[in-house]
Amino acid sequence: MAALALKRKQWEPFAFASPSLALIALVIVFPLVYAFYLSLQDFDL
């Protein structure tokens, strides 16, 4: 039981930080992917 508690304590900080890290990744990655997608389109203004 003590080993399980130790494992849980090691992963707790990552569990609390993961939502914010996911949001930051989404804010950075989505515009990059979308900009790449738009660069492949043939826009005629």
PDB file of N, CA and C in Angstrom:
ATOM      1  N   MET A   1       0.823  -1.193   0.000  1.00  0.00           N
ATOM      2  CA  MET A   1       0.000   0.000   0.000  1.00  0.00           C
ATOM      3  C   MET A   1       0.868   1.258   0.000  1.00  0.00           C
ATOM      4  N   ALA A   2       2.007   1.178   0.677  1.00  0.00           N
ATOM      5  CA  ALA A   2       2.886   2.346   0.747  1.00  0.00           C
ATOM      6  C   ALA A   2       3.482   2.656  -0.622  1.00  0.00           C
ATOM      7  N   ALA A   3       3.754   1.614  -1.391  1.00  0.00           N
ATOM      8  CA  ALA A   3       4.318   1.833  -2.726  1.00  0.00           C
ATOM      9  C   ALA A   3       3.314   2.541  -3.622  1.00  0.00           C
ATOM     10  N   LEU A   4       2.039   2.199  -3.477  1.00  0.00           N
ATOM     11  CA  LEU A   4       0.999   2.852  -4.268  1.00  0.00           C
ATOM     12  C   LEU A   4       0.875   4.323  -3.890  1.00  0.00           C
ATOM     13  N   ALA A   5       0.971   4.613  -2.604  1.00  0.00           N
ATOM     14  CA  ALA A   5       0.902   6.003  -2.148  1.00  0.00           C
ATOM     15  C   ALA A   5       2.095   6.794  -2.660  1.00  0.00           C
ATOM     16  N   LEU A   6       3.262   6.174  -2.691  1.00  0.00           N
ATOM     17  CA  LEU A   6       4.455   6.852  -3.202  1.00  0.00           C
ATOM     18  C   LEU A   6       4.308   7.136  -4.694  1.00  0.00           C
ATOM     19  N   LYS A   7       3.809   6.165  -5.456  1.00  0.00           N
ATOM     20  CA  LYS A   7       3.592   6.387  -6.887  1.00  0.00           C
ATOM     21  C   LYS A   7       2.589   7.516  -7.111  1.00  0.00           C
ATOM     22  N   ARG A   8       1.541   7.537  -6.299  1.00  0.00           N
ATOM     23  CA  ARG A   8       0.511   8.565  -6.450  1.00  0.00           C
ATOM     24  C   ARG A   8       1.079   9.951  -6.169  1.00  0.00           C
ATOM     25  N   LYS A   9       1.919  10.050  -5.158  1.00  0.00           N
ATOM     26  CA  LYS A   9       2.512  11.346  -4.832  1.00  0.00           C
ATOM     27  C   LYS A   9       3.464  11.815  -5.933  1.00  0.00           C
ATOM     28  N   GLN A  10       4.086  10.877  -6.631  1.00  0.00           N
ATOM     29  CA  GLN A  10       4.990  11.264  -7.706  1.00  0.00           C
ATOM     30  C   GLN A  10       4.221  11.806  -8.906  1.00  0.00           C
ATOM     31  N   TRP A  11       3.024  11.309  -9.154  1.00  0.00           N
ATOM     32  CA  TRP A  11       2.251  11.721 -10.324  1.00  0.00           C
ATOM     33  C   TRP A  11       1.282  12.856 -10.034  1.00  0.00           C
ATOM     34  N   GLU A  12       1.053  13.191  -8.760  1.00  0.00           N
ATOM     35  CA  GLU A  12       0.090  14.236  -8.423  1.00  0.00           C
ATOM     36  C   GLU A  12       0.403  15.583  -9.071  1.00  0.00           C
ATOM     37  N   PRO A  13       1.634  16.068  -9.031  1.00  0.00           N
ATOM     38  CA  PRO A  13       1.907  17.371  -9.669  1.00  0.00           C
ATOM     39  C   PRO A  13       1.588  17.376 -11.166  1.00  0.00           C
ATOM     40  N   PHE A  14       1.873  16.275 -11.834  1.00  0.00           N
ATOM     41  CA  PHE A  14       1.584  16.193 -13.265  1.00  0.00           C
ATOM     42  C   PHE A  14       0.084  16.176 -13.527  1.00  0.00           C
ATOM     43  N   ALA A  15      -0.660  15.551 -12.631  1.00  0.00           N
ATOM     44  CA  ALA A  15      -2.116  15.513 -12.786  1.00  0.00           C
ATOM     45  C   ALA A  15      -2.710  16.907 -12.646  1.00  0.00           C
ATOM     46  N   PHE A  16      -2.169  17.711 -11.747  1.00  0.00           N
ATOM     47  CA  PHE A  16      -2.681  19.066 -11.574  1.00  0.00           C
ATOM     48  C   PHE A  16      -2.214  20.002 -12.688  1.00  0.00           C
ATOM     49  N   ALA A  17      -1.030  19.767 -13.223  1.00  0.00           N
ATOM     50  CA  ALA A  17      -0.486  20.649 -14.250  1.00  0.00           C
ATOM     51  C   ALA A  17      -0.958  20.290 -15.652  1.00  0.00           C
ATOM     52  N   SER A  18      -1.426  19.079 -15.865  1.00  0.00           N
ATOM     53  CA  SER A  18      -1.759  18.636 -17.217  1.00  0.00           C
ATOM     54  C   SER A  18      -2.869  19.441 -17.889  1.00  0.00           C
ATOM     55  N   PRO A  19      -3.931  19.881 -17.207  1.00  0.00           N
ATOM     56  CA  PRO A  19      -4.929  20.689 -17.925  1.00  0.00           C
ATOM     57  C   PRO A  19      -4.360  22.000 -18.456  1.00  0.00           C
ATOM     58  N   SER A  20      -3.539  22.666 -17.663  1.00  0.00           N
ATOM     59  CA  SER A  20      -2.967  23.922 -18.138  1.00  0.00           C
ATOM     60  C   SER A  20      -1.951  23.678 -19.243  1.00  0.00           C
ATOM     61  N   LEU A  21      -1.183  22.610 -19.135  1.00  0.00           N
ATOM     62  CA  LEU A  21      -0.230  22.291 -20.199  1.00  0.00           C
ATOM     63  C   LEU A  21      -0.941  21.921 -21.489  1.00  0.00           C
ATOM     64  N   ALA A  22      -2.063  21.235 -21.373  1.00  0.00           N
ATOM     65  CA  ALA A  22      -2.845  20.889 -22.562  1.00  0.00           C
ATOM     66  C   ALA A  22      -3.410  22.149 -23.211  1.00  0.00           C
ATOM     67  N   LEU A  23      -3.865  23.085 -22.408  1.00  0.00           N
ATOM     68  CA  LEU A  23      -4.400  24.338 -22.949  1.00  0.00           C
ATOM     69  C   LEU A  23      -3.307  25.148 -23.635  1.00  0.00           C
ATOM     70  N   ILE A  24      -2.152  25.224 -23.023  1.00  0.00           N
ATOM     71  CA  ILE A  24      -1.030  25.944 -23.632  1.00  0.00           C
ATOM     72  C   ILE A  24      -0.624  25.274 -24.942  1.00  0.00           C
ATOM     73  N   ALA A  25      -0.564  23.953 -24.943  1.00  0.00           N
ATOM     74  CA  ALA A  25      -0.212  23.231 -26.172  1.00  0.00           C
ATOM     75  C   ALA A  25      -1.244  23.483 -27.258  1.00  0.00           C
ATOM     76  N   LEU A  26      -2.512  23.509 -26.881  1.00  0.00           N
ATOM     77  CA  LEU A  26      -3.569  23.756 -27.855  1.00  0.00           C
ATOM     78  C   LEU A  26      -3.463  25.165 -28.425  1.00  0.00           C
ATOM     79  N   VAL A  27      -3.168  26.135 -27.576  1.00  0.00           N
ATOM     80  CA  VAL A  27      -3.056  27.522 -28.027  1.00  0.00           C
ATOM     81  C   VAL A  27      -1.857  27.693 -28.955  1.00  0.00           C
ATOM     82  N   ILE A  28      -0.816  26.922 -28.757  1.00  0.00           N
ATOM     83  CA  ILE A  28       0.375  27.037 -29.601  1.00  0.00           C
ATOM     84  C   ILE A  28       0.266  26.155 -30.846  1.00  0.00           C
ATOM     85  N   VAL A  29      -0.181  24.917 -30.678  1.00  0.00           N
ATOM     86  CA  VAL A  29      -0.169  23.953 -31.779  1.00  0.00           C
ATOM     87  C   VAL A  29      -1.289  24.216 -32.778  1.00  0.00           C
ATOM     88  N   PHE A  30      -2.489  24.525 -32.315  1.00  0.00           N
ATOM     89  CA  PHE A  30      -3.611  24.716 -33.238  1.00  0.00           C
ATOM     90  C   PHE A  30      -3.347  25.829 -34.251  1.00  0.00           C
ATOM     91  N   PRO A  31      -2.891  27.019 -33.843  1.00  0.00           N
ATOM     92  CA  PRO A  31      -2.613  28.040 -34.863  1.00  0.00           C
ATOM     93  C   PRO A  31      -1.521  27.632 -35.849  1.00  0.00           C
ATOM     94  N   LEU A  32      -0.522  26.904 -35.380  1.00  0.00           N
ATOM     95  CA  LEU A  32       0.529  26.454 -36.298  1.00  0.00           C
ATOM     96  C   LEU A  32      -0.016  25.483 -37.339  1.00  0.00           C
ATOM     97  N   VAL A  33      -0.806  24.532 -36.895  1.00  0.00           N
ATOM     98  CA  VAL A  33      -1.389  23.556 -37.822  1.00  0.00           C
ATOM     99  C   VAL A  33      -2.366  24.239 -38.764  1.00  0.00           C
ATOM    100  N   TYR A  34      -3.170  25.151 -38.246  1.00  0.00           N
ATOM    101  CA  TYR A  34      -4.148  25.845 -39.079  1.00  0.00           C
ATOM    102  C   TYR A  34      -3.450  26.755 -40.095  1.00  0.00           C
ATOM    103  N   ALA A  35      -2.379  27.417 -39.694  1.00  0.00           N
ATOM    104  CA  ALA A  35      -1.627  28.258 -40.622  1.00  0.00           C
ATOM    105  C   ALA A  35      -1.003  27.409 -41.728  1.00  0.00           C
ATOM    106  N   PHE A  36      -0.496  26.237 -41.371  1.00  0.00           N
ATOM    107  CA  PHE A  36       0.051  25.332 -42.383  1.00  0.00           C
ATOM    108  C   PHE A  36      -1.040  24.872 -43.337  1.00  0.00           C
ATOM    109  N   TYR A  37      -2.204  24.551 -42.803  1.00  0.00           N
ATOM    110  CA  TYR A  37      -3.340  24.142 -43.636  1.00  0.00           C
ATOM    111  C   TYR A  37      -3.742  25.272 -44.586  1.00  0.00           C
ATOM    112  N   LEU A  38      -3.816  26.489 -44.073  1.00  0.00           N
ATOM    113  CA  LEU A  38      -4.194  27.618 -44.921  1.00  0.00           C
ATOM    114  C   LEU A  38      -3.140  27.908 -45.982  1.00  0.00           C
ATOM    115  N   SER A  39      -1.884  27.646 -45.662  1.00  0.00           N
ATOM    116  CA  SER A  39      -0.831  27.904 -46.645  1.00  0.00           C
ATOM    117  C   SER A  39      -0.924  26.949 -47.831  1.00  0.00           C
ATOM    118  N   LEU A  40      -1.581  25.825 -47.656  1.00  0.00           N
ATOM    119  CA  LEU A  40      -1.733  24.864 -48.748  1.00  0.00           C
ATOM    120  C   LEU A  40      -2.953  25.152 -49.619  1.00  0.00           C
ATOM    121  N   GLN A  41      -3.792  26.071 -49.197  1.00  0.00           N
ATOM    122  CA  GLN A  41      -4.999  26.397 -49.947  1.00  0.00           C
ATOM    123  C   GLN A  41      -4.677  27.408 -51.044  1.00  0.00           C
ATOM    124  N   ASP A  42      -5.455  27.377 -52.086  1.00  0.00           N
ATOM    125  CA  ASP A  42      -5.259  28.298 -53.202  1.00  0.00           C
ATOM    126  C   ASP A  42      -6.301  29.408 -53.104  1.00  0.00           C
ATOM    127  N   PHE A  43      -5.941  30.457 -52.387  1.00  0.00           N
ATOM    128  CA  PHE A  43      -6.849  31.591 -52.234  1.00  0.00           C
ATOM    129  C   PHE A  43      -6.617  32.580 -53.364  1.00  0.00           C
ATOM    130  N   ASP A  44      -7.684  33.054 -53.943  1.00  0.00           N
ATOM    131  CA  ASP A  44      -7.589  34.046 -55.000  1.00  0.00           C
ATOM    132  C   ASP A  44      -8.389  35.267 -54.568  1.00  0.00           C
ATOM    133  N   LEU A  45      -7.677  36.267 -54.110  1.00  0.00           N
ATOM    134  CA  LEU A  45      -8.373  37.462 -53.630  1.00  0.00           C
ATOM    135  C   LEU A  45      -8.748  38.325 -54.771  1.00  0.00           C
TER     136      LEU A  45
END
